[in-house]
PDB file of N, CA and C in Angstrom:
ATOM      1  N   MET A   1     -10.060 -13.479 -24.332  1.00  0.00           N
ATOM      2  CA  MET A   1      -8.639 -13.226 -24.143  1.00  0.00           C
ATOM      3  C   MET A   1      -8.436 -11.722 -23.944  1.00  0.00           C
ATOM      4  N   ARG A   2      -7.549 -11.371 -23.025  1.00  0.00           N
ATOM      5  CA  ARG A   2      -7.248  -9.968 -22.749  1.00  0.00           C
ATOM      6  C   ARG A   2      -6.179  -9.457 -23.709  1.00  0.00           C
ATOM      7  N   THR A   3      -5.979  -8.140 -23.701  1.00  0.00           N
ATOM      8  CA  THR A   3      -4.990  -7.555 -24.617  1.00  0.00           C
ATOM      9  C   THR A   3      -3.571  -8.043 -24.329  1.00  0.00           C
ATOM     10  N   ASP A   4      -3.293  -8.433 -23.078  1.00  0.00           N
ATOM     11  CA  ASP A   4      -1.954  -8.958 -22.755  1.00  0.00           C
ATOM     12  C   ASP A   4      -1.892 -10.485 -22.896  1.00  0.00           C
ATOM     13  N   ARG A   5      -2.904 -11.045 -23.535  1.00  0.00           N
ATOM     14  CA  ARG A   5      -3.000 -12.470 -23.866  1.00  0.00           C
ATOM     15  C   ARG A   5      -3.317 -13.381 -22.678  1.00  0.00           C
ATOM     16  N   ARG A   6      -3.713 -12.796 -21.535  1.00  0.00           N
ATOM     17  CA  ARG A   6      -4.155 -13.621 -20.411  1.00  0.00           C
ATOM     18  C   ARG A   6      -5.590 -14.051 -20.639  1.00  0.00           C
ATOM     19  N   GLU A   7      -5.934 -15.224 -20.129  1.00  0.00           N
ATOM     20  CA  GLU A   7      -7.324 -15.664 -20.142  1.00  0.00           C
ATOM     21  C   GLU A   7      -8.103 -14.805 -19.144  1.00  0.00           C
ATOM     22  N   ILE A   8      -9.418 -14.765 -19.286  1.00  0.00           N
ATOM     23  CA  ILE A   8     -10.270 -13.943 -18.415  1.00  0.00           C
ATOM     24  C   ILE A   8     -10.052 -14.287 -16.940  1.00  0.00           C
ATOM     25  N   SER A   9      -9.897 -15.560 -16.607  1.00  0.00           N
ATOM     26  CA  SER A   9      -9.749 -15.964 -15.204  1.00  0.00           C
ATOM     27  C   SER A   9      -8.287 -16.003 -14.738  1.00  0.00           C
ATOM     28  N   GLN A  10      -7.358 -15.651 -15.601  1.00  0.00           N
ATOM     29  CA  GLN A  10      -5.935 -15.722 -15.265  1.00  0.00           C
ATOM     30  C   GLN A  10      -5.469 -14.426 -14.608  1.00  0.00           C
ATOM     31  N   LEU A  11      -4.802 -14.555 -13.463  1.00  0.00           N
ATOM     32  CA  LEU A  11      -4.280 -13.390 -12.745  1.00  0.00           C
ATOM     33  C   LEU A  11      -2.993 -12.887 -13.380  1.00  0.00           C
ATOM     34  N   ARG A  12      -2.727 -11.600 -13.188  1.00  0.00           N
ATOM     35  CA  ARG A  12      -1.445 -11.044 -13.623  1.00  0.00           C
ATOM     36  C   ARG A  12      -0.345 -11.559 -12.697  1.00  0.00           C
ATOM     37  N   PRO A  13       0.866 -11.694 -13.190  1.00  0.00           N
ATOM     38  CA  PRO A  13       1.972 -12.074 -12.299  1.00  0.00           C
ATOM     39  C   PRO A  13       2.135 -11.015 -11.204  1.00  0.00           C
ATOM     40  N   VAL A  14       2.409 -11.457  -9.991  1.00  0.00           N
ATOM     41  CA  VAL A  14       2.566 -10.556  -8.848  1.00  0.00           C
ATOM     42  C   VAL A  14       4.005 -10.629  -8.353  1.00  0.00           C
ATOM     43  N   LYS A  15       4.590  -9.455  -8.112  1.00  0.00           N
ATOM     44  CA  LYS A  15       5.943  -9.371  -7.562  1.00  0.00           C
ATOM     45  C   LYS A  15       5.870  -8.568  -6.266  1.00  0.00           C
ATOM     46  N   ILE A  16       6.485  -9.070  -5.210  1.00  0.00           N
ATOM     47  CA  ILE A  16       6.485  -8.398  -3.910  1.00  0.00           C
ATOM     48  C   ILE A  16       7.931  -8.127  -3.501  1.00  0.00           C
ATOM     49  N   THR A  17       8.221  -6.845  -3.227  1.00  0.00           N
ATOM     50  CA  THR A  17       9.555  -6.439  -2.790  1.00  0.00           C
ATOM     51  C   THR A  17       9.450  -5.897  -1.369  1.00  0.00           C
ATOM     52  N   ARG A  18      10.010  -6.614  -0.418  1.00  0.00           N
ATOM     53  CA  ARG A  18       9.973  -6.189   0.985  1.00  0.00           C
ATOM     54  C   ARG A  18      11.044  -5.135   1.260  1.00  0.00           C
ATOM     55  N   ASN A  19      10.834  -4.356   2.324  1.00  0.00           N
ATOM     56  CA  ASN A  19      11.796  -3.320   2.751  1.00  0.00           C
ATOM     57  C   ASN A  19      12.117  -2.351   1.616  1.00  0.00           C
ATOM     58  N   TYR A  20      11.078  -1.918   0.915  1.00  0.00           N
ATOM     59  CA  TYR A  20      11.238  -1.069  -0.267  1.00  0.00           C
ATOM     60  C   TYR A  20      11.638   0.364   0.087  1.00  0.00           C
ATOM     61  N   ILE A  21      11.120   0.883   1.198  1.00  0.00           N
ATOM     62  CA  ILE A  21      11.426   2.248   1.644  1.00  0.00           C
ATOM     63  C   ILE A  21      12.471   2.173   2.759  1.00  0.00           C
ATOM     64  N   LYS A  22      13.578   2.817   2.551  1.00  0.00           N
ATOM     65  CA  LYS A  22      14.741   2.707   3.424  1.00  0.00           C
ATOM     66  C   LYS A  22      14.480   3.096   4.883  1.00  0.00           C
ATOM     67  N   HIS A  23      13.733   4.176   5.130  1.00  0.00           N
ATOM     68  CA  HIS A  23      13.622   4.710   6.486  1.00  0.00           C
ATOM     69  C   HIS A  23      12.332   4.332   7.205  1.00  0.00           C
ATOM     70  N   ALA A  24      11.486   3.517   6.597  1.00  0.00           N
ATOM     71  CA  ALA A  24      10.241   3.084   7.255  1.00  0.00           C
ATOM     72  C   ALA A  24      10.515   1.846   8.105  1.00  0.00           C
ATOM     73  N   GLU A  25       9.779   1.703   9.214  1.00  0.00           N
ATOM     74  CA  GLU A  25       9.932   0.506  10.045  1.00  0.00           C
ATOM     75  C   GLU A  25       9.523  -0.753   9.276  1.00  0.00           C
ATOM     76  N   GLY A  26       8.605  -0.604   8.360  1.00  0.00           N
ATOM     77  CA  GLY A  26       8.197  -1.709   7.490  1.00  0.00           C
ATOM     78  C   GLY A  26       7.695  -1.140   6.177  1.00  0.00           C
ATOM     79  N   SER A  27       7.980  -1.821   5.071  1.00  0.00           N
ATOM     80  CA  SER A  27       7.486  -1.342   3.779  1.00  0.00           C
ATOM     81  C   SER A  27       7.491  -2.475   2.764  1.00  0.00           C
ATOM     82  N   VAL A  28       6.666  -2.304   1.730  1.00  0.00           N
ATOM     83  CA  VAL A  28       6.581  -3.294   0.663  1.00  0.00           C
ATOM     84  C   VAL A  28       6.142  -2.604  -0.625  1.00  0.00           C
ATOM     85  N   LEU A  29       6.657  -3.072  -1.746  1.00  0.00           N
ATOM     86  CA  LEU A  29       6.186  -2.675  -3.068  1.00  0.00           C
ATOM     87  C   LEU A  29       5.530  -3.910  -3.660  1.00  0.00           C
ATOM     88  N   ILE A  30       4.267  -3.787  -4.064  1.00  0.00           N
ATOM     89  CA  ILE A  30       3.544  -4.889  -4.700  1.00  0.00           C
ATOM     90  C   ILE A  30       3.256  -4.483  -6.132  1.00  0.00           C
ATOM     91  N   GLU A  31       3.646  -5.326  -7.075  1.00  0.00           N
ATOM     92  CA  GLU A  31       3.451  -5.047  -8.496  1.00  0.00           C
ATOM     93  C   GLU A  31       2.618  -6.158  -9.123  1.00  0.00           C
ATOM     94  N   ALA A  32       1.609  -5.755  -9.892  1.00  0.00           N
ATOM     95  CA  ALA A  32       0.782  -6.686 -10.662  1.00  0.00           C
ATOM     96  C   ALA A  32       0.518  -6.009 -11.999  1.00  0.00           C
ATOM     97  N   GLY A  33       1.269  -6.366 -13.016  1.00  0.00           N
ATOM     98  CA  GLY A  33       1.161  -5.673 -14.298  1.00  0.00           C
ATOM     99  C   GLY A  33       1.600  -4.233 -14.136  1.00  0.00           C
ATOM    100  N   ASP A  34       0.785  -3.292 -14.644  1.00  0.00           N
ATOM    101  CA  ASP A  34       1.103  -1.866 -14.516  1.00  0.00           C
ATOM    102  C   ASP A  34       0.693  -1.283 -13.168  1.00  0.00           C
ATOM    103  N   THR A  35       0.025  -2.069 -12.332  1.00  0.00           N
ATOM    104  CA  THR A  35      -0.411  -1.597 -11.018  1.00  0.00           C
ATOM    105  C   THR A  35       0.717  -1.784 -10.014  1.00  0.00           C
ATOM    106  N   LYS A  36       1.048  -0.688  -9.319  1.00  0.00           N
ATOM    107  CA  LYS A  36       2.092  -0.725  -8.301  1.00  0.00           C
ATOM    108  C   LYS A  36       1.553  -0.079  -7.031  1.00  0.00           C
ATOM    109  N   VAL A  37       1.735  -0.751  -5.909  1.00  0.00           N
ATOM    110  CA  VAL A  37       1.259  -0.250  -4.619  1.00  0.00           C
ATOM    111  C   VAL A  37       2.433  -0.247  -3.648  1.00  0.00           C
ATOM    112  N   ILE A  38       2.643   0.898  -2.998  1.00  0.00           N
ATOM    113  CA  ILE A  38       3.652   0.991  -1.945  1.00  0.00           C
ATOM    114  C   ILE A  38       2.911   1.110  -0.619  1.00  0.00           C
ATOM    115  N   CYS A  39       3.287   0.281   0.326  1.00  0.00           N
ATOM    116  CA  CYS A  39       2.684   0.327   1.657  1.00  0.00           C
ATOM    117  C   CYS A  39       3.815   0.466   2.670  1.00  0.00           C
ATOM    118  N   THR A  40       3.676   1.421   3.579  1.00  0.00           N
ATOM    119  CA  THR A  40       4.684   1.603   4.622  1.00  0.00           C
ATOM    120  C   THR A  40       4.027   1.561   5.994  1.00  0.00           C
ATOM    121  N   ALA A  41       4.820   1.229   6.998  1.00  0.00           N
ATOM    122  CA  ALA A  41       4.342   1.223   8.380  1.00  0.00           C
ATOM    123  C   ALA A  41       5.307   2.043   9.227  1.00  0.00           C
ATOM    124  N   THR A  42       4.742   2.836  10.121  1.00  0.00           N
ATOM    125  CA  THR A  42       5.516   3.626  11.070  1.00  0.00           C
ATOM    126  C   THR A  42       5.090   3.229  12.472  1.00  0.00           C
ATOM    127  N   VAL A  43       6.035   3.068  13.361  1.00  0.00           N
ATOM    128  CA  VAL A  43       5.737   2.708  14.743  1.00  0.00           C
ATOM    129  C   VAL A  43       6.139   3.880  15.626  1.00  0.00           C
ATOM    130  N   GLU A  44       5.194   4.338  16.450  1.00  0.00           N
ATOM    131  CA  GLU A  44       5.466   5.427  17.387  1.00  0.00           C
ATOM    132  C   GLU A  44       5.036   4.990  18.779  1.00  0.00           C
ATOM    133  N   GLU A  45       5.678   5.510  19.786  1.00  0.00           N
ATOM    134  CA  GLU A  45       5.365   5.165  21.171  1.00  0.00           C
ATOM    135  C   GLU A  45       4.287   6.063  21.768  1.00  0.00           C
ATOM    136  N   LYS A  46       3.611   6.858  20.963  1.00  0.00           N
ATOM    137  CA  LYS A  46       2.583   7.761  21.481  1.00  0.00           C
ATOM    138  C   LYS A  46       1.222   7.396  20.889  1.00  0.00           C
ATOM    139  N   VAL A  47       0.183   7.862  21.556  1.00  0.00           N
ATOM    140  CA  VAL A  47      -1.188   7.664  21.078  1.00  0.00           C
ATOM    141  C   VAL A  47      -1.900   9.013  21.090  1.00  0.00           C
ATOM    142  N   PRO A  48      -3.033   9.133  20.380  1.00  0.00           N
ATOM    143  CA  PRO A  48      -3.795  10.383  20.433  1.00  0.00           C
ATOM    144  C   PRO A  48      -4.252  10.682  21.868  1.00  0.00           C
ATOM    145  N   ALA A  49      -4.502  11.934  22.146  1.00  0.00           N
ATOM    146  CA  ALA A  49      -4.878  12.370  23.502  1.00  0.00           C
ATOM    147  C   ALA A  49      -6.042  11.568  24.073  1.00  0.00           C
ATOM    148  N   PHE A  50      -7.037  11.240  23.251  1.00  0.00           N
ATOM    149  CA  PHE A  50      -8.212  10.532  23.774  1.00  0.00           C
ATOM    150  C   PHE A  50      -7.915   9.065  24.121  1.00  0.00           C
ATOM    151  N   LYS A  51      -6.747   8.542  23.767  1.00  0.00           N
ATOM    152  CA  LYS A  51      -6.364   7.164  24.096  1.00  0.00           C
ATOM    153  C   LYS A  51      -5.401   7.088  25.280  1.00  0.00           C
ATOM    154  N   LYS A  52      -4.852   8.227  25.696  1.00  0.00           N
ATOM    155  CA  LYS A  52      -3.880   8.228  26.792  1.00  0.00           C
ATOM    156  C   LYS A  52      -4.499   7.667  28.069  1.00  0.00           C
ATOM    157  N   GLY A  53      -3.742   6.789  28.728  1.00  0.00           N
ATOM    158  CA  GLY A  53      -4.189   6.218  29.993  1.00  0.00           C
ATOM    159  C   GLY A  53      -5.179   5.077  29.856  1.00  0.00           C
ATOM    160  N   THR A  54      -5.539   4.696  28.643  1.00  0.00           N
ATOM    161  CA  THR A  54      -6.518   3.611  28.462  1.00  0.00           C
ATOM    162  C   THR A  54      -5.856   2.241  28.355  1.00  0.00           C
ATOM    163  N   GLY A  55      -4.539   2.214  28.139  1.00  0.00           N
ATOM    164  CA  GLY A  55      -3.853   0.942  27.938  1.00  0.00           C
ATOM    165  C   GLY A  55      -4.078   0.367  26.549  1.00  0.00           C
ATOM    166  N   GLU A  56      -4.680   1.166  25.667  1.00  0.00           N
ATOM    167  CA  GLU A  56      -4.966   0.722  24.305  1.00  0.00           C
ATOM    168  C   GLU A  56      -4.005   1.380  23.321  1.00  0.00           C
ATOM    169  N   GLY A  57      -3.866   0.746  22.162  1.00  0.00           N
ATOM    170  CA  GLY A  57      -3.046   1.301  21.093  1.00  0.00           C
ATOM    171  C   GLY A  57      -3.907   2.004  20.065  1.00  0.00           C
ATOM    172  N   TRP A  58      -3.275   2.389  18.968  1.00  0.00           N
ATOM    173  CA  TRP A  58      -3.967   3.146  17.919  1.00  0.00           C
ATOM    174  C   TRP A  58      -3.384   2.770  16.565  1.00  0.00           C
ATOM    175  N   VAL A  59      -4.241   2.433  15.626  1.00  0.00           N
ATOM    176  CA  VAL A  59      -3.825   2.149  14.252  1.00  0.00           C
ATOM    177  C   VAL A  59      -4.615   3.063  13.331  1.00  0.00           C
ATOM    178  N   THR A  60      -3.939   3.697  12.390  1.00  0.00           N
ATOM    179  CA  THR A  60      -4.612   4.570  11.435  1.00  0.00           C
ATOM    180  C   THR A  60      -4.030   4.309  10.047  1.00  0.00           C
ATOM    181  N   ALA A  61      -4.733   4.752   9.018  1.00  0.00           N
ATOM    182  CA  ALA A  61      -4.275   4.519   7.643  1.00  0.00           C
ATOM    183  C   ALA A  61      -4.528   5.753   6.795  1.00  0.00           C
ATOM    184  N   GLU A  62      -3.706   5.919   5.777  1.00  0.00           N
ATOM    185  CA  GLU A  62      -3.878   6.991   4.799  1.00  0.00           C
ATOM    186  C   GLU A  62      -3.795   6.382   3.410  1.00  0.00           C
ATOM    187  N   TYR A  63      -4.464   6.996   2.451  1.00  0.00           N
ATOM    188  CA  TYR A  63      -4.487   6.493   1.082  1.00  0.00           C
ATOM    189  C   TYR A  63      -4.367   7.672   0.126  1.00  0.00           C
ATOM    190  N   SER A  64      -3.606   7.518  -0.931  1.00  0.00           N
ATOM    191  CA  SER A  64      -3.571   8.556  -1.959  1.00  0.00           C
ATOM    192  C   SER A  64      -3.103   7.947  -3.274  1.00  0.00           C
ATOM    193  N   MET A  65      -3.482   8.604  -4.358  1.00  0.00           N
ATOM    194  CA  MET A  65      -3.030   8.215  -5.690  1.00  0.00           C
ATOM    195  C   MET A  65      -2.204   9.352  -6.254  1.00  0.00           C
ATOM    196  N   LEU A  66      -1.137   9.009  -6.935  1.00  0.00           N
ATOM    197  CA  LEU A  66      -0.312  10.037  -7.557  1.00  0.00           C
ATOM    198  C   LEU A  66      -1.054  10.686  -8.717  1.00  0.00           C
ATOM    199  N   PRO A  67      -0.784  11.954  -9.001  1.00  0.00           N
ATOM    200  CA  PRO A  67      -1.390  12.588 -10.181  1.00  0.00           C
ATOM    201  C   PRO A  67      -1.073  11.776 -11.433  1.00  0.00           C
ATOM    202  N   ARG A  68      -2.054  11.643 -12.285  1.00  0.00           N
ATOM    203  CA  ARG A  68      -1.951  10.904 -13.551  1.00  0.00           C
ATOM    204  C   ARG A  68      -1.760   9.404 -13.341  1.00  0.00           C
ATOM    205  N   SER A  69      -2.214   8.895 -12.196  1.00  0.00           N
ATOM    206  CA  SER A  69      -2.191   7.452 -11.978  1.00  0.00           C
ATOM    207  C   SER A  69      -3.155   6.744 -12.913  1.00  0.00           C
ATOM    208  N   THR A  70      -4.190   7.474 -13.330  1.00  0.00           N
ATOM    209  CA  THR A  70      -5.177   6.949 -14.272  1.00  0.00           C
ATOM    210  C   THR A  70      -5.376   7.973 -15.377  1.00  0.00           C
ATOM    211  N   ARG A  71      -6.004   7.564 -16.465  1.00  0.00           N
ATOM    212  CA  ARG A  71      -6.247   8.497 -17.574  1.00  0.00           C
ATOM    213  C   ARG A  71      -7.222   9.597 -17.184  1.00  0.00           C
ATOM    214  N   VAL A  72      -8.283   9.208 -16.449  1.00  0.00           N
ATOM    215  CA  VAL A  72      -9.331  10.158 -16.078  1.00  0.00           C
ATOM    216  C   VAL A  72      -9.473  10.151 -14.566  1.00  0.00           C
ATOM    217  N   ARG A  73      -9.473  11.337 -13.956  1.00  0.00           N
ATOM    218  CA  ARG A  73      -9.694  11.437 -12.513  1.00  0.00           C
ATOM    219  C   ARG A  73     -11.179  11.573 -12.257  1.00  0.00           C
ATOM    220  N   ASN A  74     -11.706  10.754 -11.386  1.00  0.00           N
ATOM    221  CA  ASN A  74     -13.140  10.810 -11.041  1.00  0.00           C
ATOM    222  C   ASN A  74     -13.344  11.555  -9.748  1.00  0.00           C
TER     223      ASN A  74
END
């Protein structure tokens, strides 16, 4: 049994809030216990210089943790 009384195989309750960030084209807040993740999407009509004229799009991602998100920073 875990400290929050869940069984070892039992998942934490998950809450999903859509459109969490007002000015993003898409956003979501996902909560599972004390873990909270914000994901946003931005849509732009431009691509990096090396993709221009190829007829292809571009998807990129960034990741960061807020200071003191964990007890110890590794």
